[in-house]
């Protein structure tokens, strides 16, 4: 059995001590490992709850850094974590290797034949693991257990230093709190981690770190699908209120006549149908955080009530004379230009200034250079788990296809595209343990569909004009014309009434009343039915 030389261990230690940052130290560690132990890939991962998160790697595709390895899904990694000493897997081991098919510059489905894992233990705490893989069998058999334990101790010390002197420790604590303290509604939602290392995302994360510990109300703005709700949850989890509830409200989904009751509650008998006392969202969030999504959709009357709650920390349930005191932090999100809304009289200027003390801009995906591959890895691993696939990877040509698309639907669209492609790839490669997503599985990524929809609906409106000349009167033709315009706006807005109202430049309540008169209904499955009521 071969031992590492004293000079080799000294070189590792000196390299770690001279690193300028955690990432620099991790890179120096992996450099030293590959100089000492011949392997095709090496990965350093930290343990966060029941998941291993890659911190640094060499020899694997970049999307690996975006993956999250749940131990229950990866028996090899689980065995490494349960061991107190280096674990060497036999070349004929039938347990799937988590890095099969992910080697850099290898498009074919190559399988690892040598696999070794070192648990990184500091004191009695498992901080993470260091894994080494090779395409050739028996590559690690000559290494002595003593040498590997020395390597593991050095790596564990480096990781402990990073966890102690950097934000990694804070992130680990927040991850643990996320599992233990999130209320039921938030915990059922997918996600929970902001993925991205682009300059735009680093700027946003820096803003979050600055303002999260404060008590300021925050306005989160950005396009549809960029992840504003995820930013809100992160702000809450990094705040002193993390152990208190985070209450979510979709302002666009509340009927105008129920906004006040929904936000502030009501007493029994306050109005028809109020057969019991009901707490509003402000009361439910007392001591914690209230997330008002799409706040730009609230009517002006409700905005004034929210302003009072922000200024005086007071609310008044519908039908109750007594004023109640609440302690709530507001996180508000919008995809609208609230400055313009203020100018046009649709949003209160005083409320806007109350909310925008420290605005946070969530960049669209097209401004996040380099993040698409990380997000692709993250969504691929999620899809692999949901679909029960042993390993799921993507061809470089397919990833290139994704990187050069402008993503008008942002991160949400990317997630849907990858999930759909994973389903197609699994069906195409039914029975295989390693499933590879190709460009054909992703399919065309363009705006032809929306253009086609517009042309089709414009044709419908033109048909309404011709109907006027042939067989109907002015009232019937006008209704038909309006009916087609409303259907067109709803289709383009993906059945979002508030978005459709903005497109048509009408009040949302007026639009719903008009649609009812015209016989237009949107089912809960987002399909439009139309019964003419002329």
Protein backbone atom coordinates (compact mmCIF):
# COMPACT_ATOMS: atom_id res chain seq x y z
CA UNK A 1 0.00 0.00 0.00
CA UNK A 2 1.33 3.43 -0.95
CA UNK A 3 1.59 6.31 1.54
CA UNK A 4 1.65 9.97 0.57
CA UNK A 5 5.01 11.62 1.05
CA UNK A 6 5.49 14.25 3.74
CA UNK A 7 6.19 16.84 1.04
CA UNK A 8 2.87 16.07 -0.64
CA UNK A 9 0.90 16.67 2.56
CA UNK A 10 2.91 19.82 3.26
CA UNK A 11 2.16 21.13 -0.24
CA UNK A 12 -1.57 20.55 0.34
CA UNK A 13 -1.53 22.37 3.66
CA UNK A 14 0.50 25.32 2.37
CA UNK A 15 -1.75 25.65 -0.67
CA UNK A 16 -4.85 25.76 1.50
CA UNK A 17 -3.35 28.34 3.85
CA UNK A 18 -2.38 30.62 0.96
CA UNK A 19 -5.80 30.65 -0.68
CA UNK A 20 -7.36 34.10 -1.00
CA UNK A 21 -10.95 32.85 -0.77
CA UNK A 22 -12.90 29.70 0.00
CA UNK A 23 -13.25 28.91 -3.70
CA UNK A 24 -9.51 29.45 -4.19
CA UNK A 25 -8.69 27.13 -1.29
CA UNK A 26 -11.08 24.48 -2.61
CA UNK A 27 -9.48 24.68 -6.07
CA UNK A 28 -5.99 24.32 -4.60
CA UNK A 29 -7.15 21.28 -2.62
CA UNK A 30 -8.56 19.58 -5.72
CA UNK A 31 -5.41 20.47 -7.70
CA UNK A 32 -3.27 18.80 -5.03
CA UNK A 33 -5.52 15.72 -4.93
CA UNK A 34 -5.32 15.18 -8.69
CA UNK A 35 -1.56 15.63 -8.68
CA UNK A 36 -1.28 12.95 -6.01
CA UNK A 37 -4.05 10.55 -7.01
CA UNK A 38 -4.71 9.78 -10.65
CA UNK A 39 -8.44 10.14 -11.34
CA UNK A 40 -10.85 11.43 -13.98
CA UNK A 41 -12.94 13.59 -11.65
CA UNK A 42 -12.98 14.81 -8.07
CA UNK A 43 -15.81 16.58 -6.23
CA UNK A 44 -15.93 18.40 -2.88
CA UNK A 45 -19.43 18.60 -1.39
CA UNK A 46 -20.84 20.02 1.83
CA UNK A 47 -23.61 18.28 3.75
CA UNK A 48 -26.72 20.37 4.35
CA UNK A 49 -29.41 18.41 6.18
CA UNK A 50 -30.01 15.27 4.06
CA UNK A 51 -28.46 16.73 0.89
CA UNK A 52 -24.93 17.05 -0.51
CA UNK A 53 -24.23 20.37 -2.26
CA UNK A 54 -21.22 20.60 -4.65
CA UNK A 55 -18.73 23.32 -3.65
CA UNK A 56 -15.98 22.61 -6.18
CA UNK A 57 -15.28 19.95 -8.77
CA UNK A 58 -12.85 19.06 -11.56
CA UNK A 59 -13.40 16.80 -14.55
CA UNK A 60 -17.20 17.08 -14.67
CA UNK A 61 -19.63 19.20 -16.68
CA UNK A 62 -20.36 22.65 -15.25
CA UNK A 63 -24.00 21.83 -14.59
CA UNK A 64 -22.84 19.44 -11.83
CA UNK A 65 -22.37 22.46 -9.56
CA UNK A 66 -26.08 23.19 -9.90
CA UNK A 67 -27.17 19.69 -8.86
CA UNK A 68 -28.26 18.78 -5.34
CA UNK A 69 -27.72 15.18 -4.27
CA UNK A 70 -30.36 13.94 -1.81
CA UNK A 71 -28.75 11.06 0.09
CA UNK A 72 -31.85 8.89 -0.04
CA UNK A 73 -31.59 8.92 -3.85
CA UNK A 74 -27.86 8.16 -4.05
CA UNK A 75 -26.86 5.00 -2.13
CA UNK A 76 -23.12 5.40 -2.78
CA UNK A 77 -23.05 8.89 -1.32
CA UNK A 78 -25.22 7.71 1.57
CA UNK A 79 -22.73 4.91 2.38
CA UNK A 80 -19.83 7.38 2.33
CA UNK A 81 -21.66 9.70 4.74
CA UNK A 82 -22.46 6.83 7.10
CA UNK A 83 -18.85 5.67 7.23
CA UNK A 84 -16.16 6.95 9.60
CA UNK A 85 -13.36 6.08 7.20
CA UNK A 86 -12.58 6.17 3.44
CA UNK A 87 -14.96 4.02 1.39
CA UNK A 88 -13.70 2.21 -1.72
CA UNK A 89 -16.31 0.68 -4.03
CA UNK A 90 -15.61 -2.52 -5.93
CA UNK A 91 -15.37 -2.18 -9.72
CA UNK A 92 -18.36 -4.50 -10.07
CA UNK A 93 -20.51 -2.66 -7.52
CA UNK A 94 -24.08 -2.49 -8.79
CA UNK A 95 -24.95 0.73 -6.93
CA UNK A 96 -25.36 3.63 -9.41
CA UNK A 97 -22.57 6.20 -9.43
CA UNK A 98 -24.01 9.75 -9.19
CA UNK A 99 -21.46 11.02 -11.74
CA UNK A 100 -21.92 8.40 -14.46
CA UNK A 101 -22.22 10.15 -17.81
CA UNK A 102 -21.22 13.58 -16.47
CA UNK A 103 -17.53 13.56 -17.42
CA UNK A 104 -16.34 16.71 -19.14
CA UNK A 105 -15.69 16.41 -22.90
CA UNK A 106 -17.33 12.95 -23.03
CA UNK A 107 -20.69 12.89 -24.82
CA UNK A 108 -21.02 9.11 -24.69
CA UNK A 109 -22.53 7.25 -21.75
CA UNK A 110 -19.29 6.36 -19.98
CA UNK A 111 -19.58 4.61 -16.62
CA UNK A 112 -17.18 5.00 -13.71
CA UNK A 113 -15.25 1.83 -12.78
CA UNK A 114 -13.31 3.14 -9.79
CA UNK A 115 -15.07 5.08 -7.09
CA UNK A 116 -13.86 6.26 -3.69
CA UNK A 117 -15.34 8.59 -1.10
CA UNK A 118 -13.84 10.29 1.94
CA UNK A 119 -16.18 11.48 4.71
CA UNK A 120 -14.97 14.87 5.94
CA UNK A 121 -15.37 14.76 9.71
CA UNK A 122 -14.29 17.55 12.03
CA UNK A 123 -14.68 16.57 15.67
CA UNK A 124 -17.85 14.50 15.66
CA UNK A 125 -19.52 16.45 12.85
CA UNK A 126 -19.79 15.29 9.24
CA UNK A 127 -19.17 18.43 7.17
CA UNK A 128 -19.24 16.88 3.72
CA UNK A 129 -17.52 14.37 1.43
CA UNK A 130 -14.70 14.25 -1.10
CA UNK A 131 -15.32 11.81 -3.98
CA UNK A 132 -12.90 10.53 -6.62
CA UNK A 133 -13.86 8.58 -9.75
CA UNK A 134 -11.99 6.98 -12.62
CA UNK A 135 -13.02 5.26 -15.84
CA UNK A 136 -10.33 2.62 -15.25
CA UNK A 137 -10.89 -0.11 -12.64
CA UNK A 138 -8.76 -0.61 -9.52
CA UNK A 139 -7.19 2.86 -9.70
CA UNK A 140 -7.31 3.46 -5.95
CA UNK A 141 -6.45 -0.01 -4.62
CA UNK A 142 -2.78 0.89 -4.01
CA UNK A 143 -3.51 3.78 -1.64
CA UNK A 144 -3.09 3.16 2.07
CA UNK A 145 -5.91 3.83 4.50
CA UNK A 146 -3.58 6.00 6.61
CA UNK A 147 -2.79 8.29 3.67
CA UNK A 148 -6.45 8.65 2.75
CA UNK A 149 -7.37 9.48 6.34
CA UNK A 150 -4.67 12.19 6.31
CA UNK A 151 -6.11 13.60 3.08
CA UNK A 152 -9.62 13.53 4.56
CA UNK A 153 -8.42 15.37 7.69
CA UNK A 154 -6.82 18.13 5.60
CA UNK A 155 -9.93 18.49 3.45
CA UNK A 156 -12.19 18.52 6.52
CA UNK A 157 -10.07 21.25 8.14
CA UNK A 158 -10.30 23.34 4.97
CA UNK A 159 -14.07 22.89 4.81
CA UNK A 160 -14.45 23.69 8.51
CA UNK A 161 -12.47 26.89 8.03
CA UNK A 162 -14.76 27.86 5.17
CA UNK A 163 -17.86 27.08 7.18
CA UNK A 164 -16.55 29.11 10.09
CA UNK A 165 -15.24 32.18 8.28
CA UNK A 166 -17.62 32.58 5.38
CA UNK A 167 -21.28 32.73 4.53
CA UNK A 168 -21.38 28.96 4.00
CA UNK A 169 -22.06 28.48 7.68
CA UNK A 170 -24.92 30.97 7.56
CA UNK A 171 -26.31 29.24 4.47
CA UNK A 172 -26.13 25.87 6.23
CA UNK A 173 -28.01 27.26 9.22
CA UNK A 174 -30.62 28.82 6.97
CA UNK A 175 -31.06 25.56 5.10
CA UNK A 176 -31.62 23.71 8.36
CA UNK A 177 -34.07 26.37 9.53
CA UNK A 178 -35.88 26.04 6.24
CA UNK A 179 -36.56 22.39 6.98
CA UNK A 180 -37.64 23.03 10.57
CA UNK A 181 -39.36 26.40 10.70
CA UNK A 182 -41.14 27.12 7.41
CA UNK A 183 -44.89 27.10 7.72
CA UNK A 184 -46.85 24.41 5.88
CA UNK A 185 -47.77 26.55 2.88
CA UNK A 186 -44.19 27.58 2.12
CA UNK A 187 -42.72 24.13 2.77
CA UNK A 188 -44.98 22.55 0.15
CA UNK A 189 -43.57 24.77 -2.59
CA UNK A 190 -40.70 23.53 -4.76
CA UNK A 191 -37.33 25.22 -4.63
CA UNK A 192 -35.81 27.14 -1.75
CA UNK A 193 -32.35 27.99 -3.02
CA UNK A 194 -31.24 30.80 -5.32
CA UNK A 195 -29.10 29.21 -8.05
CA UNK A 196 -26.74 31.46 -9.99
CA UNK A 197 -23.24 32.93 -9.97
CA UNK A 198 -23.56 35.59 -12.70
CA UNK A 199 -22.64 39.18 -11.94
CA UNK A 200 -26.31 40.17 -11.96
CA UNK A 201 -27.21 37.46 -9.45
CA UNK A 202 -24.22 38.20 -7.21
CA UNK A 203 -25.39 41.82 -7.08
CA UNK A 204 -28.89 40.72 -6.13
CA UNK A 205 -27.61 38.29 -3.49
CA UNK A 206 -25.47 41.06 -2.04
CA UNK A 207 -28.57 43.27 -1.80
CA UNK A 208 -30.41 40.45 -0.02
CA UNK A 209 -27.57 40.01 2.48
CA UNK A 210 -27.60 43.74 3.22
CA UNK A 211 -31.31 44.27 3.72
CA UNK A 212 -32.58 40.88 4.98
CA UNK A 213 -31.53 41.39 8.65
CA UNK A 214 -33.25 44.80 8.77
CA UNK A 215 -36.90 45.55 9.51
CA UNK A 216 -37.40 47.49 6.27
CA UNK A 217 -40.35 46.74 4.03
CA UNK A 218 -39.02 45.68 0.63
CA UNK A 219 -40.24 45.99 -2.94
CA UNK A 220 -39.14 43.11 -5.18
CA UNK A 221 -39.53 43.91 -8.87
CA UNK A 222 -38.78 42.03 -12.06
CA UNK A 223 -40.38 40.29 -15.03
CA UNK A 224 -42.80 37.40 -14.77
CA UNK A 225 -41.10 34.08 -14.01
CA UNK A 226 -37.79 35.42 -12.66
CA UNK A 227 -38.28 34.04 -9.14
CA UNK A 228 -39.57 36.95 -7.05
CA UNK A 229 -41.31 34.62 -4.61
CA UNK A 230 -38.06 32.70 -4.07
CA UNK A 231 -36.32 36.00 -3.29
CA UNK A 232 -39.06 36.82 -0.78
CA UNK A 233 -38.65 33.47 0.97
CA UNK A 234 -34.88 33.95 1.09
CA UNK A 235 -35.29 37.41 2.61
CA UNK A 236 -37.59 35.96 5.25
CA UNK A 237 -35.27 33.05 6.09
CA UNK A 238 -32.28 35.38 6.48
CA UNK A 239 -34.18 37.77 8.74
CA UNK A 240 -34.70 37.75 12.53
CA UNK A 241 -38.29 36.70 11.77
CA UNK A 242 -37.23 33.37 10.22
CA UNK A 243 -38.83 31.34 13.01
CA UNK A 244 -42.13 33.18 12.54
CA UNK A 245 -44.64 32.58 9.73
CA UNK A 246 -44.24 33.72 6.14
CA UNK A 247 -47.74 34.35 4.78
CA UNK A 248 -48.28 34.48 1.01
CA UNK A 249 -51.00 36.57 -0.68
CA UNK A 250 -51.62 36.70 -4.43
CA UNK A 251 -53.19 40.15 -4.74
CA UNK A 252 -54.27 39.53 -8.35
CA UNK A 253 -56.37 36.52 -7.35
CA UNK A 254 -58.51 38.26 -4.70
CA UNK A 255 -61.93 39.50 -5.89
CA UNK A 256 -62.14 43.25 -5.39
CA UNK A 257 -65.08 43.02 -2.98
CA UNK A 258 -63.16 40.58 -0.73
CA UNK A 259 -59.77 42.32 -0.60
CA UNK A 260 -60.34 44.01 2.76
CA UNK A 261 -61.71 40.84 4.38
CA UNK A 262 -58.86 38.73 2.98
CA UNK A 263 -56.16 41.07 4.27
CA UNK A 264 -57.64 42.28 7.55
CA UNK A 265 -60.24 39.64 8.45
CA UNK A 266 -63.88 40.01 9.43
CA UNK A 267 -66.24 39.31 12.28
CA UNK A 268 -69.34 37.17 12.16
CA UNK A 269 -72.24 38.93 10.47
CA UNK A 270 -70.05 41.63 8.88
CA UNK A 271 -71.60 40.85 5.47
CA UNK A 272 -73.71 38.22 3.78
CA UNK A 273 -71.96 34.87 4.07
CA UNK A 274 -69.76 35.90 7.02
CA UNK A 275 -71.00 33.11 9.32
CA UNK A 276 -67.92 33.09 11.57
CA UNK A 277 -64.99 35.18 12.66
CA UNK A 278 -62.03 35.00 10.29
CA UNK A 279 -58.46 36.15 10.73
CA UNK A 280 -56.97 38.15 7.89
CA UNK A 281 -53.50 37.68 6.41
CA UNK A 282 -52.06 40.54 8.48
CA UNK A 283 -53.15 38.87 11.72
CA UNK A 284 -51.83 35.49 10.58
CA UNK A 285 -48.45 37.07 9.80
CA UNK A 286 -48.22 38.90 13.16
CA UNK A 287 -44.60 38.68 14.30
CA UNK A 288 -43.52 37.38 10.92
CA UNK A 289 -43.56 38.37 7.25
CA UNK A 290 -46.39 39.08 4.82
CA UNK A 291 -45.57 38.57 1.13
CA UNK A 292 -47.90 40.57 -1.12
CA UNK A 293 -47.35 39.19 -4.61
CA UNK A 294 -48.54 41.30 -7.57
CA UNK A 295 -49.26 44.23 -5.26
CA UNK A 296 -49.77 46.48 -8.27
CA UNK A 297 -53.12 44.74 -8.86
CA UNK A 298 -54.67 45.99 -5.61
CA UNK A 299 -57.42 48.62 -5.93
CA UNK A 300 -56.69 52.08 -4.52
CA UNK A 301 -59.09 51.61 -1.59
CA UNK A 302 -57.20 48.57 -0.37
CA UNK A 303 -53.88 50.35 -0.88
CA UNK A 304 -54.92 53.04 1.61
CA UNK A 305 -55.73 50.40 4.23
CA UNK A 306 -52.32 48.77 3.75
CA UNK A 307 -50.68 52.17 4.11
CA UNK A 308 -52.35 52.61 7.49
CA UNK A 309 -51.11 49.18 8.60
CA UNK A 310 -47.56 50.13 7.59
CA UNK A 311 -47.63 53.55 9.21
CA UNK A 312 -49.39 52.76 12.49
CA UNK A 313 -49.10 48.95 12.70
CA UNK A 314 -52.89 48.87 13.03
CA UNK A 315 -55.61 46.90 11.28
CA UNK A 316 -59.39 46.86 11.60
CA UNK A 317 -61.28 43.70 10.63
CA UNK A 318 -64.43 44.24 8.58
CA UNK A 319 -67.41 44.80 10.88
CA UNK A 320 -65.32 45.42 14.00
CA UNK A 321 -65.04 48.78 15.78
CA UNK A 322 -61.90 47.92 17.71
CA UNK A 323 -58.51 48.53 16.09
CA UNK A 324 -55.89 45.78 16.49
CA UNK A 325 -52.11 46.22 16.62
CA UNK A 326 -49.87 43.97 14.48
CA UNK A 327 -46.14 43.59 13.98
CA UNK A 328 -45.67 42.60 10.34
CA UNK A 329 -42.88 43.07 7.83
CA UNK A 330 -44.09 43.56 4.26
CA UNK A 331 -42.36 42.06 1.23
CA UNK A 332 -44.14 43.21 -1.92
CA UNK A 333 -43.55 41.97 -5.47
CA UNK A 334 -44.61 43.27 -8.85
CA UNK A 335 -43.81 42.94 -12.53
CA UNK A 336 -45.29 46.40 -13.20
CA UNK A 337 -43.50 49.73 -13.33
CA UNK A 338 -44.95 51.20 -10.14
CA UNK A 339 -43.39 54.61 -10.81
CA UNK A 340 -45.43 54.80 -14.00
CA UNK A 341 -48.47 53.45 -12.18
CA UNK A 342 -48.12 56.28 -9.65
CA UNK A 343 -47.91 58.86 -12.46
CA UNK A 344 -51.07 57.47 -14.04
CA UNK A 345 -52.94 57.45 -10.74
CA UNK A 346 -53.31 53.67 -10.39
CA UNK A 347 -50.97 53.31 -7.41
CA UNK A 348 -50.63 55.50 -4.33
CA UNK A 349 -47.41 57.51 -4.24
CA UNK A 350 -47.17 57.36 -0.42
CA UNK A 351 -47.50 53.56 -0.42
CA UNK A 352 -44.92 53.25 -3.18
CA UNK A 353 -42.39 55.29 -1.18
CA UNK A 354 -43.12 53.24 1.94
CA UNK A 355 -42.37 50.03 0.09
CA UNK A 356 -39.37 51.11 -1.99
CA UNK A 357 -36.92 52.08 0.76
CA UNK A 358 -34.63 49.31 -0.51
CA UNK A 359 -35.96 47.86 -3.79
CA UNK A 360 -34.52 44.58 -5.02
CA UNK A 361 -34.33 43.94 -8.75
CA UNK A 362 -34.54 40.31 -9.86
CA UNK A 363 -32.77 40.09 -13.24
CA UNK A 364 -34.31 38.23 -16.18
CA UNK A 365 -32.56 35.10 -17.37
CA UNK A 366 -31.19 36.81 -20.48
CA UNK A 367 -29.10 39.09 -18.20
CA UNK A 368 -27.66 36.19 -16.18
CA UNK A 369 -24.59 35.22 -18.17
CA UNK A 370 -23.48 31.67 -17.33
CA UNK A 371 -26.40 30.77 -15.06
CA UNK A 372 -28.41 28.71 -17.54
CA UNK A 373 -26.08 25.70 -17.24
CA UNK A 374 -26.28 25.81 -13.43
CA UNK A 375 -30.06 26.06 -13.48
CA UNK A 376 -30.23 23.29 -16.06
CA UNK A 377 -28.28 21.00 -13.72
CA UNK A 378 -30.52 21.92 -10.81
CA UNK A 379 -33.73 21.24 -12.76
CA UNK A 380 -32.30 18.05 -14.30
CA UNK A 381 -31.61 16.62 -10.86
CA UNK A 382 -35.11 17.59 -9.68
CA UNK A 383 -36.62 15.95 -12.76
CA UNK A 384 -34.48 12.84 -12.23
CA UNK A 385 -35.84 12.45 -8.71
CA UNK A 386 -39.47 13.06 -9.67
CA UNK A 387 -39.32 10.66 -12.63
CA UNK A 388 -37.39 7.93 -10.79
CA UNK A 389 -34.50 7.91 -13.28
CA UNK A 390 -31.12 6.56 -12.10
CA UNK A 391 -29.16 9.23 -13.98
CA UNK A 392 -30.27 12.12 -16.19
CA UNK A 393 -27.86 14.20 -18.26
CA UNK A 394 -27.97 16.62 -21.17
CA UNK A 395 -25.90 16.66 -24.33
CA UNK A 396 -23.65 19.73 -24.79
CA UNK A 397 -25.48 20.51 -28.03
CA UNK A 398 -28.78 20.59 -26.15
CA UNK A 399 -27.33 22.84 -23.46
CA UNK A 400 -25.96 25.10 -26.21
CA UNK A 401 -29.52 25.25 -27.55
CA UNK A 402 -30.75 26.47 -24.16
CA UNK A 403 -27.95 28.97 -23.59
CA UNK A 404 -28.65 30.83 -26.85
CA UNK A 405 -32.39 31.26 -26.32
CA UNK A 406 -33.64 34.61 -24.87
CA UNK A 407 -36.11 32.98 -22.40
CA UNK A 408 -39.03 35.43 -22.42
CA UNK A 409 -40.63 33.27 -19.70
CA UNK A 410 -37.41 33.35 -17.64
CA UNK A 411 -36.55 30.68 -15.05
CA UNK A 412 -40.10 29.34 -14.91
CA UNK A 413 -40.02 28.67 -18.66
CA UNK A 414 -36.60 26.99 -18.41
CA UNK A 415 -37.89 24.66 -15.68
CA UNK A 416 -40.93 23.69 -17.73
CA UNK A 417 -38.83 23.08 -20.86
CA UNK A 418 -36.40 20.80 -18.99
CA UNK A 419 -39.21 18.84 -17.29
CA UNK A 420 -40.91 18.34 -20.65
CA UNK A 421 -37.63 17.30 -22.30
CA UNK A 422 -36.89 14.85 -19.47
CA UNK A 423 -40.27 13.21 -19.99
CA UNK A 424 -39.64 12.86 -23.72
CA UNK A 425 -36.13 11.48 -23.17
CA UNK A 426 -37.37 8.92 -20.64
CA UNK A 427 -40.05 7.74 -23.05
CA UNK A 428 -37.52 7.52 -25.87
CA UNK A 429 -34.99 5.60 -23.77
CA UNK A 430 -37.45 3.49 -21.82
CA UNK A 431 -35.74 0.93 -19.58
CA UNK A 432 -32.31 2.57 -19.61
CA UNK A 433 -30.71 3.64 -16.34
CA UNK A 434 -28.86 6.55 -17.99
CA UNK A 435 -31.18 8.92 -19.85
CA UNK A 436 -29.69 11.66 -22.04
CA UNK A 437 -31.66 14.75 -23.06
CA UNK A 438 -31.03 15.85 -26.66
CA UNK A 439 -31.96 18.95 -28.66
CA UNK A 440 -34.79 16.95 -30.22
CA UNK A 441 -36.23 16.29 -26.75
CA UNK A 442 -36.15 20.03 -26.01
CA UNK A 443 -37.83 20.87 -29.29
CA UNK A 444 -38.13 24.31 -30.94
CA UNK A 445 -37.70 27.35 -28.72
CA UNK A 446 -39.20 30.37 -30.43
CA UNK A 447 -42.13 32.76 -30.35
CA UNK A 448 -43.98 31.23 -33.29
CA UNK A 449 -46.78 29.93 -31.07
CA UNK A 450 -47.69 33.33 -29.65
CA UNK A 451 -47.44 34.90 -33.11
CA UNK A 452 -49.73 32.21 -34.50
CA UNK A 453 -52.21 32.76 -31.68
CA UNK A 454 -52.29 36.48 -32.38
CA UNK A 455 -52.85 35.92 -36.10
CA UNK A 456 -55.62 33.43 -35.37
CA UNK A 457 -57.43 35.74 -32.99
CA UNK A 458 -56.97 38.77 -35.22
CA UNK A 459 -58.62 36.69 -37.91
CA UNK A 460 -61.50 36.10 -35.53
CA UNK A 461 -61.94 39.83 -34.95
CA UNK A 462 -61.84 40.43 -38.70
CA UNK A 463 -64.57 37.82 -38.99
CA UNK A 464 -66.66 39.85 -36.57
CA UNK A 465 -66.41 42.89 -38.85
CA UNK A 466 -67.55 40.92 -41.86
CA UNK A 467 -70.45 39.53 -39.83
CA UNK A 468 -71.71 43.10 -39.33
CA UNK A 469 -72.14 43.58 -43.07
CA UNK A 470 -73.91 40.30 -43.69
CA UNK A 471 -76.39 39.34 -41.02
CA UNK A 472 -76.23 41.26 -37.74
CA UNK A 473 -76.86 44.66 -36.30
CA UNK A 474 -74.43 47.04 -34.64
CA UNK A 475 -74.98 45.74 -31.07
CA UNK A 476 -74.41 42.08 -32.01
CA UNK A 477 -71.30 42.87 -34.08
CA UNK A 478 -69.87 45.09 -31.32
CA UNK A 479 -70.37 42.33 -28.73
CA UNK A 480 -68.73 39.79 -31.02
CA UNK A 481 -65.79 42.12 -31.60
CA UNK A 482 -65.36 42.71 -27.84
CA UNK A 483 -65.75 38.99 -27.15
CA UNK A 484 -62.87 38.16 -29.49
CA UNK A 485 -60.64 40.88 -28.05
CA UNK A 486 -61.24 39.64 -24.49
CA UNK A 487 -60.51 36.03 -25.50
CA UNK A 488 -57.35 37.19 -27.26
CA UNK A 489 -56.16 39.15 -24.22
CA UNK A 490 -56.90 36.26 -21.83
CA UNK A 491 -55.08 33.78 -24.06
CA UNK A 492 -51.99 35.98 -24.30
CA UNK A 493 -52.05 36.54 -20.52
CA UNK A 494 -52.35 32.80 -19.83
CA UNK A 495 -55.79 33.35 -18.25
CA UNK A 496 -54.54 36.02 -15.84
CA UNK A 497 -57.41 38.50 -15.56
CA UNK A 498 -55.24 41.31 -14.20
CA UNK A 499 -52.72 40.94 -17.04
CA UNK A 500 -55.50 40.86 -19.62
CA UNK A 501 -57.02 44.00 -18.10
CA UNK A 502 -53.71 45.83 -18.45
CA UNK A 503 -53.45 44.75 -22.08
CA UNK A 504 -56.92 46.08 -22.80
CA UNK A 505 -56.33 49.20 -20.65
CA UNK A 506 -59.44 48.66 -18.52
CA UNK A 507 -60.09 48.09 -14.83
CA UNK A 508 -59.95 44.42 -13.83
CA UNK A 509 -63.38 44.48 -12.19
CA UNK A 510 -64.91 46.09 -15.30
CA UNK A 511 -63.28 43.42 -17.47
CA UNK A 512 -64.74 40.56 -15.43
CA UNK A 513 -68.19 42.16 -15.57
CA UNK A 514 -67.88 42.63 -19.34
CA UNK A 515 -66.76 39.00 -19.77
CA UNK A 516 -69.75 37.79 -17.74
CA UNK A 517 -72.12 39.81 -19.92
CA UNK A 518 -70.48 38.42 -23.07
CA UNK A 519 -70.75 34.84 -21.76
CA UNK A 520 -67.01 34.28 -21.38
CA UNK A 521 -65.87 31.97 -18.58
CA UNK A 522 -62.43 30.62 -17.64
CA UNK A 523 -62.48 27.21 -15.99
CA UNK A 524 -60.12 26.16 -13.23
CA UNK A 525 -58.26 24.17 -15.91
CA UNK A 526 -57.56 27.46 -17.75
CA UNK A 527 -59.81 26.77 -20.69
CA UNK A 528 -62.21 29.37 -22.11
CA UNK A 529 -65.87 28.64 -22.69
CA UNK A 530 -68.16 31.10 -24.41
CA UNK A 531 -71.93 31.18 -24.40
CA UNK A 532 -73.38 34.13 -26.30
CA UNK A 533 -75.95 36.00 -24.26
CA UNK A 534 -77.07 38.62 -26.76
